[in-house]
Amino acid sequence: MKFEKVNMPLNKNLYNKLNNMCIFNNLKLEYKNGIVFRVADTNVNFIEPHRFIIKVNDIVLVLLCYDNFNLYLYDKDIIINMPLLKELIKEIKEKNYGA
């Protein structure tokens, strides 16, 4: 069985929005490119999503992007949009969860 590894294209608009939001909030954005693994001679694909990692006060937010449009928080059960993400970051920055 042969596998083909293909890098997923990145939506630059989405990346720029996240990066600008992190710069505005004095946070660092770490990005890991998504990959599609294709099984040769079949219609089977395995998708490793794009990962956007934001660290806020010792709390790590992992945002996943499977399709270059929707963001998910930690897994595919929690859809998150920009206003909700901004509110989440604001709440984490205002509270001291470590104490």
PDB file of N, CA and C in Angstrom:
ATOM      1  N   MET A   1       0.845  -1.173   0.000  1.00  0.00           N
ATOM      2  CA  MET A   1       0.000   0.000   0.000  1.00  0.00           C
ATOM      3  C   MET A   1       0.893   1.239   0.000  1.00  0.00           C
ATOM      4  N   LYS A   2       0.662   2.128  -0.947  1.00  0.00           N
ATOM      5  CA  LYS A   2       1.468   3.334  -1.076  1.00  0.00           C
ATOM      6  C   LYS A   2       0.658   4.549  -0.637  1.00  0.00           C
ATOM      7  N   PHE A   3       1.340   5.467   0.037  1.00  0.00           N
ATOM      8  CA  PHE A   3       0.733   6.715   0.493  1.00  0.00           C
ATOM      9  C   PHE A   3       1.372   7.880  -0.236  1.00  0.00           C
ATOM     10  N   GLU A   4       0.549   8.860  -0.549  1.00  0.00           N
ATOM     11  CA  GLU A   4       1.025  10.103  -1.138  1.00  0.00           C
ATOM     12  C   GLU A   4       0.758  11.218  -0.133  1.00  0.00           C
ATOM     13  N   LYS A   5       1.773  12.027   0.122  1.00  0.00           N
ATOM     14  CA  LYS A   5       1.665  13.110   1.099  1.00  0.00           C
ATOM     15  C   LYS A   5       1.598  14.443   0.351  1.00  0.00           C
ATOM     16  N   VAL A   6       0.504  15.199   0.579  1.00  0.00           N
ATOM     17  CA  VAL A   6       0.302  16.470  -0.109  1.00  0.00           C
ATOM     18  C   VAL A   6       0.025  17.545   0.930  1.00  0.00           C
ATOM     19  N   ASN A   7       0.752  18.654   0.855  1.00  0.00           N
ATOM     20  CA  ASN A   7       0.505  19.776   1.763  1.00  0.00           C
ATOM     21  C   ASN A   7      -0.795  20.468   1.385  1.00  0.00           C
ATOM     22  N   MET A   8      -1.595  20.790   2.403  1.00  0.00           N
ATOM     23  CA  MET A   8      -2.838  21.517   2.168  1.00  0.00           C
ATOM     24  C   MET A   8      -2.523  22.991   1.938  1.00  0.00           C
ATOM     25  N   PRO A   9      -3.212  23.645   1.004  1.00  0.00           N
ATOM     26  CA  PRO A   9      -2.988  25.088   0.821  1.00  0.00           C
ATOM     27  C   PRO A   9      -3.559  25.863   2.004  1.00  0.00           C
ATOM     28  N   LEU A  10      -2.926  26.971   2.323  1.00  0.00           N
ATOM     29  CA  LEU A  10      -3.343  27.797   3.447  1.00  0.00           C
ATOM     30  C   LEU A  10      -4.137  28.995   2.942  1.00  0.00           C
ATOM     31  N   ASN A  11      -5.231  29.293   3.612  1.00  0.00           N
ATOM     32  CA  ASN A  11      -6.021  30.486   3.332  1.00  0.00           C
ATOM     33  C   ASN A  11      -5.297  31.668   3.988  1.00  0.00           C
ATOM     34  N   LYS A  12      -4.631  32.480   3.188  1.00  0.00           N
ATOM     35  CA  LYS A  12      -3.834  33.599   3.710  1.00  0.00           C
ATOM     36  C   LYS A  12      -4.698  34.612   4.465  1.00  0.00           C
ATOM     37  N   ASN A  13      -5.932  34.786   4.046  1.00  0.00           N
ATOM     38  CA  ASN A  13      -6.834  35.720   4.712  1.00  0.00           C
ATOM     39  C   ASN A  13      -7.090  35.268   6.153  1.00  0.00           C
ATOM     40  N   LEU A  14      -7.353  33.989   6.344  1.00  0.00           N
ATOM     41  CA  LEU A  14      -7.570  33.437   7.679  1.00  0.00           C
ATOM     42  C   LEU A  14      -6.322  33.586   8.540  1.00  0.00           C
ATOM     43  N   TYR A  15      -5.163  33.248   7.975  1.00  0.00           N
ATOM     44  CA  TYR A  15      -3.900  33.386   8.708  1.00  0.00           C
ATOM     45  C   TYR A  15      -3.661  34.842   9.108  1.00  0.00           C
ATOM     46  N   ASN A  16      -3.901  35.779   8.197  1.00  0.00           N
ATOM     47  CA  ASN A  16      -3.672  37.196   8.496  1.00  0.00           C
ATOM     48  C   ASN A  16      -4.597  37.697   9.600  1.00  0.00           C
ATOM     49  N   LYS A  17      -5.861  37.250   9.586  1.00  0.00           N
ATOM     50  CA  LYS A  17      -6.791  37.644  10.647  1.00  0.00           C
ATOM     51  C   LYS A  17      -6.310  37.147  12.007  1.00  0.00           C
ATOM     52  N   LEU A  18      -5.913  35.882  12.071  1.00  0.00           N
ATOM     53  CA  LEU A  18      -5.422  35.328  13.339  1.00  0.00           C
ATOM     54  C   LEU A  18      -4.131  36.011  13.775  1.00  0.00           C
ATOM     55  N   ASN A  19      -3.228  36.236  12.847  1.00  0.00           N
ATOM     56  CA  ASN A  19      -1.949  36.864  13.167  1.00  0.00           C
ATOM     57  C   ASN A  19      -2.156  38.295  13.661  1.00  0.00           C
ATOM     58  N   ASN A  20      -3.012  39.054  13.002  1.00  0.00           N
ATOM     59  CA  ASN A  20      -3.286  40.425  13.436  1.00  0.00           C
ATOM     60  C   ASN A  20      -3.940  40.459  14.816  1.00  0.00           C
ATOM     61  N   MET A  21      -4.855  39.523  15.068  1.00  0.00           N
ATOM     62  CA  MET A  21      -5.493  39.457  16.375  1.00  0.00           C
ATOM     63  C   MET A  21      -4.457  39.158  17.463  1.00  0.00           C
ATOM     64  N   CYS A  22      -3.515  38.257  17.160  1.00  0.00           N
ATOM     65  CA  CYS A  22      -2.471  37.920  18.137  1.00  0.00           C
ATOM     66  C   CYS A  22      -1.523  39.097  18.361  1.00  0.00           C
ATOM     67  N   ILE A  23      -1.168  39.783  17.300  1.00  0.00           N
ATOM     68  CA  ILE A  23      -0.300  40.958  17.441  1.00  0.00           C
ATOM     69  C   ILE A  23      -0.996  42.018  18.286  1.00  0.00           C
ATOM     70  N   PHE A  24      -2.266  42.251  18.034  1.00  0.00           N
ATOM     71  CA  PHE A  24      -3.036  43.241  18.788  1.00  0.00           C
ATOM     72  C   PHE A  24      -3.106  42.892  20.277  1.00  0.00           C
ATOM     73  N   ASN A  25      -3.194  41.594  20.599  1.00  0.00           N
ATOM     74  CA  ASN A  25      -3.292  41.144  21.989  1.00  0.00           C
ATOM     75  C   ASN A  25      -1.946  40.760  22.594  1.00  0.00           C
ATOM     76  N   ASN A  26      -0.854  41.071  21.880  1.00  0.00           N
ATOM     77  CA  ASN A  26       0.498  40.778  22.348  1.00  0.00           C
ATOM     78  C   ASN A  26       0.686  39.280  22.631  1.00  0.00           C
ATOM     79  N   LEU A  27       0.230  38.449  21.688  1.00  0.00           N
ATOM     80  CA  LEU A  27       0.359  37.000  21.790  1.00  0.00           C
ATOM     81  C   LEU A  27       1.157  36.498  20.603  1.00  0.00           C
ATOM     82  N   LYS A  28       1.677  35.280  20.744  1.00  0.00           N
ATOM     83  CA  LYS A  28       2.437  34.679  19.660  1.00  0.00           C
ATOM     84  C   LYS A  28       1.589  33.599  18.995  1.00  0.00           C
ATOM     85  N   LEU A  29       1.538  33.631  17.674  1.00  0.00           N
ATOM     86  CA  LEU A  29       0.815  32.632  16.898  1.00  0.00           C
ATOM     87  C   LEU A  29       1.814  31.649  16.314  1.00  0.00           C
ATOM     88  N   GLU A  30       1.600  30.377  16.571  1.00  0.00           N
ATOM     89  CA  GLU A  30       2.424  29.326  15.976  1.00  0.00           C
ATOM     90  C   GLU A  30       1.550  28.585  14.973  1.00  0.00           C
ATOM     91  N   TYR A  31       2.089  28.333  13.792  1.00  0.00           N
ATOM     92  CA  TYR A  31       1.320  27.695  12.722  1.00  0.00           C
ATOM     93  C   TYR A  31       2.012  26.413  12.267  1.00  0.00           C
ATOM     94  N   LYS A  32       1.219  25.365  12.093  1.00  0.00           N
ATOM     95  CA  LYS A  32       1.723  24.104  11.533  1.00  0.00           C
ATOM     96  C   LYS A  32       0.834  23.729  10.354  1.00  0.00           C
ATOM     97  N   ASN A  33       1.463  23.520   9.211  1.00  0.00           N
ATOM     98  CA  ASN A  33       0.734  23.274   7.971  1.00  0.00           C
ATOM     99  C   ASN A  33       0.008  21.927   7.992  1.00  0.00           C
ATOM    100  N   GLY A  34      -1.168  21.898   7.393  1.00  0.00           N
ATOM    101  CA  GLY A  34      -1.946  20.675   7.289  1.00  0.00           C
ATOM    102  C   GLY A  34      -1.452  19.800   6.142  1.00  0.00           C
ATOM    103  N   ILE A  35      -1.726  18.500   6.256  1.00  0.00           N
ATOM    104  CA  ILE A  35      -1.260  17.528   5.270  1.00  0.00           C
ATOM    105  C   ILE A  35      -2.411  16.588   4.928  1.00  0.00           C
ATOM    106  N   VAL A  36      -2.488  16.224   3.659  1.00  0.00           N
ATOM    107  CA  VAL A  36      -3.439  15.205   3.218  1.00  0.00           C
ATOM    108  C   VAL A  36      -2.633  13.979   2.816  1.00  0.00           C
ATOM    109  N   PHE A  37      -2.943  12.842   3.435  1.00  0.00           N
ATOM    110  CA  PHE A  37      -2.325  11.573   3.066  1.00  0.00           C
ATOM    111  C   PHE A  37      -3.315  10.826   2.185  1.00  0.00           C
ATOM    112  N   ARG A  38      -2.895  10.505   0.976  1.00  0.00           N
ATOM    113  CA  ARG A  38      -3.758   9.787   0.036  1.00  0.00           C
ATOM    114  C   ARG A  38      -3.241   8.361  -0.130  1.00  0.00           C
ATOM    115  N   VAL A  39      -4.159   7.420  -0.083  1.00  0.00           N
ATOM    116  CA  VAL A  39      -3.804   6.024  -0.323  1.00  0.00           C
ATOM    117  C   VAL A  39      -3.881   5.806  -1.827  1.00  0.00           C
ATOM    118  N   ALA A  40      -2.762   5.363  -2.405  1.00  0.00           N
ATOM    119  CA  ALA A  40      -2.682   5.205  -3.857  1.00  0.00           C
ATOM    120  C   ALA A  40      -3.724   4.203  -4.362  1.00  0.00           C
ATOM    121  N   ASP A  41      -4.283   4.511  -5.523  1.00  0.00           N
ATOM    122  CA  ASP A  41      -5.249   3.655  -6.219  1.00  0.00           C
ATOM    123  C   ASP A  41      -6.547   3.439  -5.441  1.00  0.00           C
ATOM    124  N   THR A  42      -6.868   4.355  -4.542  1.00  0.00           N
ATOM    125  CA  THR A  42      -8.144   4.297  -3.814  1.00  0.00           C
ATOM    126  C   THR A  42      -8.702   5.711  -3.704  1.00  0.00           C
ATOM    127  N   ASN A  43      -9.862   5.825  -3.117  1.00  0.00           N
ATOM    128  CA  ASN A  43     -10.424   7.156  -2.859  1.00  0.00           C
ATOM    129  C   ASN A  43     -10.360   7.487  -1.373  1.00  0.00           C
ATOM    130  N   VAL A  44      -9.400   6.888  -0.669  1.00  0.00           N
ATOM    131  CA  VAL A  44      -9.251   7.084   0.773  1.00  0.00           C
ATOM    132  C   VAL A  44      -8.202   8.161   1.039  1.00  0.00           C
ATOM    133  N   ASN A  45      -8.590   9.154   1.854  1.00  0.00           N
ATOM    134  CA  ASN A  45      -7.689  10.234   2.259  1.00  0.00           C
ATOM    135  C   ASN A  45      -7.729  10.380   3.775  1.00  0.00           C
ATOM    136  N   PHE A  46      -6.605  10.733   4.353  1.00  0.00           N
ATOM    137  CA  PHE A  46      -6.511  11.074   5.769  1.00  0.00           C
ATOM    138  C   PHE A  46      -6.052  12.513   5.846  1.00  0.00           C
ATOM    139  N   ILE A  47      -6.768  13.316   6.606  1.00  0.00           N
ATOM    140  CA  ILE A  47      -6.448  14.744   6.686  1.00  0.00           C
ATOM    141  C   ILE A  47      -5.887  15.081   8.057  1.00  0.00           C
ATOM    142  N   GLU A  48      -4.702  15.669   8.051  1.00  0.00           N
ATOM    143  CA  GLU A  48      -4.132  16.266   9.255  1.00  0.00           C
ATOM    144  C   GLU A  48      -4.346  17.772   9.102  1.00  0.00           C
ATOM    145  N   PRO A  49      -5.174  18.387   9.939  1.00  0.00           N
ATOM    146  CA  PRO A  49      -5.580  19.786   9.716  1.00  0.00           C
ATOM    147  C   PRO A  49      -4.454  20.780   9.980  1.00  0.00           C
ATOM    148  N   HIS A  50      -4.644  21.991   9.454  1.00  0.00           N
ATOM    149  CA  HIS A  50      -3.777  23.100   9.838  1.00  0.00           C
ATOM    150  C   HIS A  50      -3.972  23.307  11.336  1.00  0.00           C
ATOM    151  N   ARG A  51      -2.891  23.658  12.031  1.00  0.00           N
ATOM    152  CA  ARG A  51      -2.990  23.931  13.467  1.00  0.00           C
ATOM    153  C   ARG A  51      -2.456  25.332  13.740  1.00  0.00           C
ATOM    154  N   PHE A  52      -3.277  26.107  14.417  1.00  0.00           N
ATOM    155  CA  PHE A  52      -2.885  27.427  14.891  1.00  0.00           C
ATOM    156  C   PHE A  52      -2.823  27.337  16.409  1.00  0.00           C
ATOM    157  N   ILE A  53      -1.662  27.598  16.973  1.00  0.00           N
ATOM    158  CA  ILE A  53      -1.452  27.439  18.414  1.00  0.00           C
ATOM    159  C   ILE A  53      -1.201  28.815  19.019  1.00  0.00           C
ATOM    160  N   ILE A  54      -2.038  29.163  20.003  1.00  0.00           N
ATOM    161  CA  ILE A  54      -1.951  30.459  20.679  1.00  0.00           C
ATOM    162  C   ILE A  54      -1.825  30.185  22.174  1.00  0.00           C
ATOM    163  N   LYS A  55      -0.794  30.753  22.789  1.00  0.00           N
ATOM    164  CA  LYS A  55      -0.591  30.584  24.230  1.00  0.00           C
ATOM    165  C   LYS A  55      -1.003  31.867  24.933  1.00  0.00           C
ATOM    166  N   VAL A  56      -1.954  31.719  25.887  1.00  0.00           N
ATOM    167  CA  VAL A  56      -2.480  32.852  26.646  1.00  0.00           C
ATOM    168  C   VAL A  56      -2.374  32.522  28.127  1.00  0.00           C
ATOM    169  N   ASN A  57      -1.517  33.234  28.854  1.00  0.00           N
ATOM    170  CA  ASN A  57      -1.370  33.023  30.305  1.00  0.00           C
ATOM    171  C   ASN A  57      -1.233  31.545  30.675  1.00  0.00           C
ATOM    172  N   ASP A  58      -0.328  30.844  30.092  1.00  0.00           N
ATOM    173  CA  ASP A  58      -0.066  29.423  30.359  1.00  0.00           C
ATOM    174  C   ASP A  58      -1.198  28.496  29.913  1.00  0.00           C
ATOM    175  N   ILE A  59      -2.163  29.002  29.186  1.00  0.00           N
ATOM    176  CA  ILE A  59      -3.214  28.181  28.595  1.00  0.00           C
ATOM    177  C   ILE A  59      -2.972  28.155  27.091  1.00  0.00           C
ATOM    178  N   VAL A  60      -2.941  26.952  26.539  1.00  0.00           N
ATOM    179  CA  VAL A  60      -2.665  26.793  25.118  1.00  0.00           C
ATOM    180  C   VAL A  60      -3.974  26.533  24.377  1.00  0.00           C
ATOM    181  N   LEU A  61      -4.275  27.398  23.425  1.00  0.00           N
ATOM    182  CA  LEU A  61      -5.442  27.216  22.570  1.00  0.00           C
ATOM    183  C   LEU A  61      -4.978  26.615  21.257  1.00  0.00           C
ATOM    184  N   VAL A  62      -5.559  25.490  20.874  1.00  0.00           N
ATOM    185  CA  VAL A  62      -5.223  24.835  19.616  1.00  0.00           C
ATOM    186  C   VAL A  62      -6.429  24.955  18.697  1.00  0.00           C
ATOM    187  N   LEU A  63      -6.250  25.703  17.620  1.00  0.00           N
ATOM    188  CA  LEU A  63      -7.313  25.889  16.640  1.00  0.00           C
ATOM    189  C   LEU A  63      -7.000  25.016  15.431  1.00  0.00           C
ATOM    190  N   LEU A  64      -7.969  24.235  14.999  1.00  0.00           N
ATOM    191  CA  LEU A  64      -7.793  23.348  13.859  1.00  0.00           C
ATOM    192  C   LEU A  64      -8.569  23.885  12.674  1.00  0.00           C
ATOM    193  N   CYS A  65      -8.013  23.722  11.491  1.00  0.00           N
ATOM    194  CA  CYS A  65      -8.677  24.161  10.269  1.00  0.00           C
ATOM    195  C   CYS A  65      -8.550  23.052   9.229  1.00  0.00           C
ATOM    196  N   TYR A  66      -9.665  22.413   8.916  1.00  0.00           N
ATOM    197  CA  TYR A  66      -9.683  21.303   7.966  1.00  0.00           C
ATOM    198  C   TYR A  66      -9.923  21.757   6.531  1.00  0.00           C
ATOM    199  N   ASP A  67     -10.666  22.854   6.364  1.00  0.00           N
ATOM    200  CA  ASP A  67     -11.144  23.227   5.035  1.00  0.00           C
ATOM    201  C   ASP A  67     -10.803  24.660   4.640  1.00  0.00           C
ATOM    202  N   ASN A  68      -9.917  25.316   5.368  1.00  0.00           N
ATOM    203  CA  ASN A  68      -9.493  26.697   5.099  1.00  0.00           C
ATOM    204  C   ASN A  68     -10.570  27.741   5.350  1.00  0.00           C
ATOM    205  N   PHE A  69     -11.701  27.366   5.934  1.00  0.00           N
ATOM    206  CA  PHE A  69     -12.753  28.342   6.206  1.00  0.00           C
ATOM    207  C   PHE A  69     -13.201  28.322   7.660  1.00  0.00           C
ATOM    208  N   ASN A  70     -13.398  27.144   8.212  1.00  0.00           N
ATOM    209  CA  ASN A  70     -13.913  27.004   9.572  1.00  0.00           C
ATOM    210  C   ASN A  70     -12.789  26.686  10.544  1.00  0.00           C
ATOM    211  N   LEU A  71     -12.868  27.295  11.719  1.00  0.00           N
ATOM    212  CA  LEU A  71     -11.917  27.008  12.793  1.00  0.00           C
ATOM    213  C   LEU A  71     -12.621  26.184  13.857  1.00  0.00           C
ATOM    214  N   TYR A  72     -11.898  25.244  14.420  1.00  0.00           N
ATOM    215  CA  TYR A  72     -12.421  24.395  15.482  1.00  0.00           C
ATOM    216  C   TYR A  72     -11.481  24.500  16.672  1.00  0.00           C
ATOM    217  N   LEU A  73     -12.048  24.505  17.871  1.00  0.00           N
ATOM    218  CA  LEU A  73     -11.259  24.582  19.091  1.00  0.00           C
ATOM    219  C   LEU A  73     -11.021  23.169  19.594  1.00  0.00           C
ATOM    220  N   TYR A  74      -9.789  22.705  19.544  1.00  0.00           N
ATOM    221  CA  TYR A  74      -9.319  21.404  20.027  1.00  0.00           C
ATOM    222  C   TYR A  74      -9.768  20.214  19.187  1.00  0.00           C
ATOM    223  N   ASP A  75     -11.012  20.128  18.805  1.00  0.00           N
ATOM    224  CA  ASP A  75     -11.467  19.017  17.964  1.00  0.00           C
ATOM    225  C   ASP A  75     -12.604  19.506  17.077  1.00  0.00           C
ATOM    226  N   LYS A  76     -13.196  18.616  16.315  1.00  0.00           N
ATOM    227  CA  LYS A  76     -14.204  19.043  15.340  1.00  0.00           C
ATOM    228  C   LYS A  76     -15.585  19.231  15.950  1.00  0.00           C
ATOM    229  N   ASP A  77     -15.696  19.202  17.273  1.00  0.00           N
ATOM    230  CA  ASP A  77     -16.978  19.382  17.938  1.00  0.00           C
ATOM    231  C   ASP A  77     -17.277  20.843  18.271  1.00  0.00           C
ATOM    232  N   ILE A  78     -16.231  21.656  18.425  1.00  0.00           N
ATOM    233  CA  ILE A  78     -16.420  23.036  18.881  1.00  0.00           C
ATOM    234  C   ILE A  78     -16.002  24.002  17.766  1.00  0.00           C
ATOM    235  N   ILE A  79     -16.973  24.556  17.047  1.00  0.00           N
ATOM    236  CA  ILE A  79     -16.688  25.549  16.008  1.00  0.00           C
ATOM    237  C   ILE A  79     -16.494  26.894  16.692  1.00  0.00           C
ATOM    238  N   ILE A  80     -15.477  27.629  16.244  1.00  0.00           N
ATOM    239  CA  ILE A  80     -15.190  28.934  16.843  1.00  0.00           C
ATOM    240  C   ILE A  80     -15.005  29.956  15.725  1.00  0.00           C
ATOM    241  N   ASN A  81     -15.544  31.154  15.928  1.00  0.00           N
ATOM    242  CA  ASN A  81     -15.368  32.239  14.969  1.00  0.00           C
ATOM    243  C   ASN A  81     -14.508  33.326  15.613  1.00  0.00           C
ATOM    244  N   MET A  82     -14.150  34.333  14.848  1.00  0.00           N
ATOM    245  CA  MET A  82     -13.243  35.375  15.350  1.00  0.00           C
ATOM    246  C   MET A  82     -13.797  36.135  16.556  1.00  0.00           C
ATOM    247  N   PRO A  83     -15.048  36.603  16.539  1.00  0.00           N
ATOM    248  CA  PRO A  83     -15.547  37.315  17.733  1.00  0.00           C
ATOM    249  C   PRO A  83     -15.537  36.438  18.985  1.00  0.00           C
ATOM    250  N   LEU A  84     -15.883  35.169  18.833  1.00  0.00           N
ATOM    251  CA  LEU A  84     -15.866  34.254  19.976  1.00  0.00           C
ATOM    252  C   LEU A  84     -14.437  34.005  20.453  1.00  0.00           C
ATOM    253  N   LEU A  85     -13.501  33.881  19.530  1.00  0.00           N
ATOM    254  CA  LEU A  85     -12.097  33.692  19.892  1.00  0.00           C
ATOM    255  C   LEU A  85     -11.552  34.922  20.619  1.00  0.00           C
ATOM    256  N   LYS A  86     -11.890  36.118  20.147  1.00  0.00           N
ATOM    257  CA  LYS A  86     -11.455  37.344  20.818  1.00  0.00           C
ATOM    258  C   LYS A  86     -11.997  37.400  22.243  1.00  0.00           C
ATOM    259  N   GLU A  87     -13.259  37.032  22.422  1.00  0.00           N
ATOM    260  CA  GLU A  87     -13.874  37.020  23.747  1.00  0.00           C
ATOM    261  C   GLU A  87     -13.205  35.985  24.653  1.00  0.00           C
ATOM    262  N   LEU A  88     -12.887  34.822  24.113  1.00  0.00           N
ATOM    263  CA  LEU A  88     -12.215  33.779  24.884  1.00  0.00           C
ATOM    264  C   LEU A  88     -10.835  34.241  25.348  1.00  0.00           C
ATOM    265  N   ILE A  89     -10.082  34.845  24.458  1.00  0.00           N
ATOM    266  CA  ILE A  89      -8.753  35.352  24.815  1.00  0.00           C
ATOM    267  C   ILE A  89      -8.871  36.446  25.873  1.00  0.00           C
ATOM    268  N   LYS A  90      -9.853  37.327  25.727  1.00  0.00           N
ATOM    269  CA  LYS A  90     -10.070  38.390  26.716  1.00  0.00           C
ATOM    270  C   LYS A  90     -10.382  37.799  28.087  1.00  0.00           C
ATOM    271  N   GLU A  91     -11.259  36.801  28.141  1.00  0.00           N
ATOM    272  CA  GLU A  91     -11.613  36.149  29.406  1.00  0.00           C
ATOM    273  C   GLU A  91     -10.396  35.479  30.055  1.00  0.00           C
ATOM    274  N   ILE A  92      -9.577  34.813  29.253  1.00  0.00           N
ATOM    275  CA  ILE A  92      -8.393  34.136  29.803  1.00  0.00           C
ATOM    276  C   ILE A  92      -7.397  35.165  30.324  1.00  0.00           C
ATOM    277  N   LYS A  93      -7.198  36.265  29.587  1.00  0.00           N
ATOM    278  CA  LYS A  93      -6.245  37.285  30.017  1.00  0.00           C
ATOM    279  C   LYS A  93      -6.684  37.977  31.300  1.00  0.00           C
ATOM    280  N   GLU A  94      -7.992  38.131  31.509  1.00  0.00           N
ATOM    281  CA  GLU A  94      -8.496  38.831  32.684  1.00  0.00           C
ATOM    282  C   GLU A  94      -8.473  37.967  33.944  1.00  0.00           C
ATOM    283  N   LYS A  95      -8.549  36.655  33.801  1.00  0.00           N
ATOM    284  CA  LYS A  95      -8.581  35.778  34.962  1.00  0.00           C
ATOM    285  C   LYS A  95      -7.246  35.113  35.168  1.00  0.00           C
ATOM    286  N   ASN A  96      -6.937  34.820  36.416  1.00  0.00           N
ATOM    287  CA  ASN A  96      -5.726  34.100  36.754  1.00  0.00           C
ATOM    288  C   ASN A  96      -6.110  32.666  37.070  1.00  0.00           C
ATOM    289  N   TYR A  97      -6.036  31.779  36.079  1.00  0.00           N
ATOM    290  CA  TYR A  97      -6.446  30.383  36.252  1.00  0.00           C
ATOM    291  C   TYR A  97      -5.423  29.552  37.025  1.00  0.00           C
ATOM    292  N   GLY A  98      -4.176  30.043  37.116  1.00  0.00           N
ATOM    293  CA  GLY A  98      -3.132  29.273  37.783  1.00  0.00           C
ATOM    294  C   GLY A  98      -3.183  29.350  39.299  1.00  0.00           C
ATOM    295  N   ALA A  99      -3.874  30.319  39.867  1.00  0.00           N
ATOM    296  CA  ALA A  99      -3.868  30.497  41.322  1.00  0.00           C
ATOM    297  C   ALA A  99      -5.054  29.835  41.980  1.00  0.00           C
TER     298      ALA A  99
END
